[in-house]
């Protein structure tokens, strides 16, 4: 009888451990968010969202104030339409701006919201018009290489031991 009682406790402990590891894995992969705060939805359009994904964090001053709810392609403006779910306890002025930022050098992308100066706050259904798209590393490299190829090379006139 004592052995079966211990087996039940060990099995229960292992089951709790498996659920804890699963919870941590989903939480770190940003696939599970447990927030019971009321939210309001606002939208924004971006020319390029890079690797931004649904459930990505929306941060202001480093604090998570909401999540990306949905990303769709608007075939009329040819832009990505991003719907945000901001927590109701945080209010931002209507002239606030959004940037797509990256956590670290090669980390996940998230939205950074910078507060504006207007007195009127964002409400459900509002559109944030001031947005800055993601920085695409490949575009930066190609611009750098193109600018280097377009500039003419200077002669070695100023080097010592060279004659003109």
Protein backbone atom coordinates (compact mmCIF):
# COMPACT_ATOMS: atom_id res chain seq x y z
CA UNK A 1 0.00 0.00 0.00
CA UNK A 2 2.85 2.39 0.86
CA UNK A 3 4.54 1.79 -2.51
CA UNK A 4 1.44 2.64 -4.57
CA UNK A 5 0.95 5.82 -2.51
CA UNK A 6 4.52 6.91 -3.31
CA UNK A 7 4.02 6.05 -6.98
CA UNK A 8 0.99 8.35 -7.13
CA UNK A 9 2.95 11.23 -5.59
CA UNK A 10 5.90 10.70 -7.94
CA UNK A 11 3.57 10.53 -10.95
CA UNK A 12 1.80 13.72 -9.85
CA UNK A 13 5.15 15.48 -9.37
CA UNK A 14 6.34 14.41 -12.85
CA UNK A 15 3.03 15.57 -14.39
CA UNK A 16 3.33 19.01 -12.75
CA UNK A 17 6.94 19.23 -13.99
CA UNK A 18 5.91 18.40 -17.57
CA UNK A 19 3.18 21.08 -17.49
CA UNK A 20 5.66 23.63 -16.08
CA UNK A 21 8.19 22.93 -18.85
CA UNK A 22 5.45 23.12 -21.49
CA UNK A 23 4.20 26.42 -20.05
CA UNK A 24 7.72 27.91 -20.05
CA UNK A 25 8.36 26.74 -23.62
CA UNK A 26 5.13 28.30 -24.90
CA UNK A 27 5.71 31.49 -22.92
CA UNK A 28 9.28 31.93 -24.18
CA UNK A 29 8.22 31.27 -27.79
CA UNK A 30 5.57 33.98 -27.40
CA UNK A 31 2.82 31.49 -28.26
CA UNK A 32 1.01 31.80 -24.94
CA UNK A 33 0.07 35.03 -23.25
CA UNK A 34 -1.88 35.02 -20.05
CA UNK A 35 -3.33 38.46 -19.61
CA UNK A 36 -6.72 39.03 -18.09
CA UNK A 37 -6.64 42.80 -18.68
CA UNK A 38 -9.32 44.44 -20.81
CA UNK A 39 -7.97 45.64 -24.16
CA UNK A 40 -8.92 48.03 -26.93
CA UNK A 41 -8.04 47.59 -30.60
CA UNK A 42 -6.23 50.14 -32.75
CA UNK A 43 -4.79 49.67 -36.24
CA UNK A 44 -1.75 50.91 -38.13
CA UNK A 45 -0.39 50.42 -41.65
CA UNK A 46 3.24 49.65 -42.48
CA UNK A 47 5.10 49.46 -45.78
CA UNK A 48 7.22 46.56 -44.49
CA UNK A 49 6.70 44.61 -41.26
CA UNK A 50 9.82 42.46 -41.62
CA UNK A 51 9.49 39.47 -39.28
CA UNK A 52 6.76 40.88 -37.05
CA UNK A 53 4.32 38.16 -35.97
CA UNK A 54 0.94 38.03 -34.27
CA UNK A 55 1.24 37.96 -30.45
CA UNK A 56 4.41 40.10 -30.65
CA UNK A 57 4.78 42.57 -27.82
CA UNK A 58 3.83 46.23 -28.04
CA UNK A 59 6.18 48.13 -25.73
CA UNK A 60 6.43 51.68 -24.49
CA UNK A 61 9.54 52.66 -22.50
CA UNK A 62 10.42 48.95 -22.33
CA UNK A 63 7.11 47.98 -20.69
CA UNK A 64 4.72 45.62 -22.48
CA UNK A 65 1.48 47.58 -22.96
CA UNK A 66 -0.23 45.27 -25.44
CA UNK A 67 0.14 42.65 -28.15
CA UNK A 68 -0.12 42.43 -31.92
CA UNK A 69 -3.53 40.88 -32.51
CA UNK A 70 -3.68 40.43 -36.28
CA UNK A 71 -1.65 41.14 -39.42
CA UNK A 72 -3.33 41.27 -42.83
CA UNK A 73 -2.37 42.57 -46.26
CA UNK A 74 -4.43 45.52 -47.51
CA UNK A 75 -4.69 45.01 -51.27
CA UNK A 76 -5.93 48.57 -51.86
CA UNK A 77 -2.97 50.40 -50.33
CA UNK A 78 -0.50 47.49 -50.74
CA UNK A 79 0.53 47.78 -47.11
CA UNK A 80 0.42 45.52 -44.08
CA UNK A 81 -2.45 46.35 -41.74
CA UNK A 82 -1.57 45.55 -38.14
CA UNK A 83 -4.23 45.38 -35.44
CA UNK A 84 -3.00 45.97 -31.89
CA UNK A 85 -4.69 44.98 -28.64
CA UNK A 86 -3.58 47.62 -26.12
CA UNK A 87 -4.37 47.15 -22.43
CA UNK A 88 -7.11 49.51 -21.24
CA UNK A 89 -5.09 50.69 -18.25
CA UNK A 90 -2.63 52.34 -20.66
CA UNK A 91 -3.78 55.33 -22.67
CA UNK A 92 -1.78 57.05 -25.39
CA UNK A 93 -2.35 60.35 -27.23
CA UNK A 94 -3.85 60.14 -30.72
CA UNK A 95 -0.66 61.46 -32.33
CA UNK A 96 1.46 58.60 -30.95
CA UNK A 97 3.82 56.83 -33.34
CA UNK A 98 4.78 53.21 -33.90
CA UNK A 99 8.14 51.68 -34.85
CA UNK A 100 9.05 48.09 -35.57
CA UNK A 101 12.08 47.32 -33.41
CA UNK A 102 14.25 44.27 -32.78
CA UNK A 103 15.19 42.73 -29.42
CA UNK A 104 18.96 42.60 -29.57
CA UNK A 105 20.94 42.02 -32.75
CA UNK A 106 19.06 39.02 -34.11
CA UNK A 107 16.11 38.81 -31.72
CA UNK A 108 12.37 38.89 -32.18
CA UNK A 109 10.69 41.97 -33.55
CA UNK A 110 8.21 43.99 -31.55
CA UNK A 111 6.32 47.27 -31.84
CA UNK A 112 7.52 50.31 -29.95
CA UNK A 113 4.95 53.00 -29.28
CA UNK A 114 6.07 56.55 -28.57
CA UNK A 115 3.56 58.85 -26.94
CA UNK A 116 2.58 62.03 -28.72
CA UNK A 117 1.53 65.37 -27.25
CA UNK A 118 -2.20 65.68 -27.94
CA UNK A 119 -4.70 65.78 -25.10
CA UNK A 120 -7.14 63.39 -26.77
CA UNK A 121 -6.33 59.70 -26.21
CA UNK A 122 -6.53 56.74 -28.56
CA UNK A 123 -9.82 54.83 -28.44
CA UNK A 124 -11.02 51.52 -29.82
CA UNK A 125 -11.05 51.55 -33.61
CA UNK A 126 -8.62 54.46 -34.03
CA UNK A 127 -5.85 54.38 -36.63
CA UNK A 128 -2.25 55.32 -35.84
CA UNK A 129 -0.96 57.06 -38.95
CA UNK A 130 2.63 57.78 -37.92
CA UNK A 131 4.51 54.50 -38.45
CA UNK A 132 8.08 53.48 -39.20
CA UNK A 133 8.64 50.20 -41.01
CA UNK A 134 11.10 47.49 -40.08
CA UNK A 135 14.74 47.87 -41.04
CA UNK A 136 15.59 45.02 -43.43
CA UNK A 137 19.25 44.06 -43.17
CA UNK A 138 19.45 42.93 -46.81
CA UNK A 139 18.24 46.33 -48.02
CA UNK A 140 20.84 48.13 -45.90
CA UNK A 141 23.64 45.95 -47.24
CA UNK A 142 22.56 46.43 -50.87
CA UNK A 143 22.31 50.22 -50.37
CA UNK A 144 25.79 50.27 -48.86
CA UNK A 145 27.28 48.22 -51.67
CA UNK A 146 25.51 50.28 -54.32
CA UNK A 147 26.73 53.55 -52.82
CA UNK A 148 30.30 52.21 -52.68
CA UNK A 149 30.13 51.08 -56.30
CA UNK A 150 28.73 54.43 -57.45
CA UNK A 151 31.49 56.58 -55.90
CA UNK A 152 34.61 57.02 -58.03
CA UNK A 153 37.88 55.91 -56.50
CA UNK A 154 40.34 58.66 -55.65
CA UNK A 155 43.91 58.51 -56.97
CA UNK A 156 46.69 57.66 -54.52
CA UNK A 157 48.05 61.21 -54.65
CA UNK A 158 48.44 61.79 -50.94
CA UNK A 159 50.32 58.64 -50.08
CA UNK A 160 54.04 58.86 -49.28
CA UNK A 161 56.38 57.46 -51.91
CA UNK A 162 53.95 58.21 -54.72
CA UNK A 163 54.72 60.76 -57.37
CA UNK A 164 52.26 62.62 -59.44
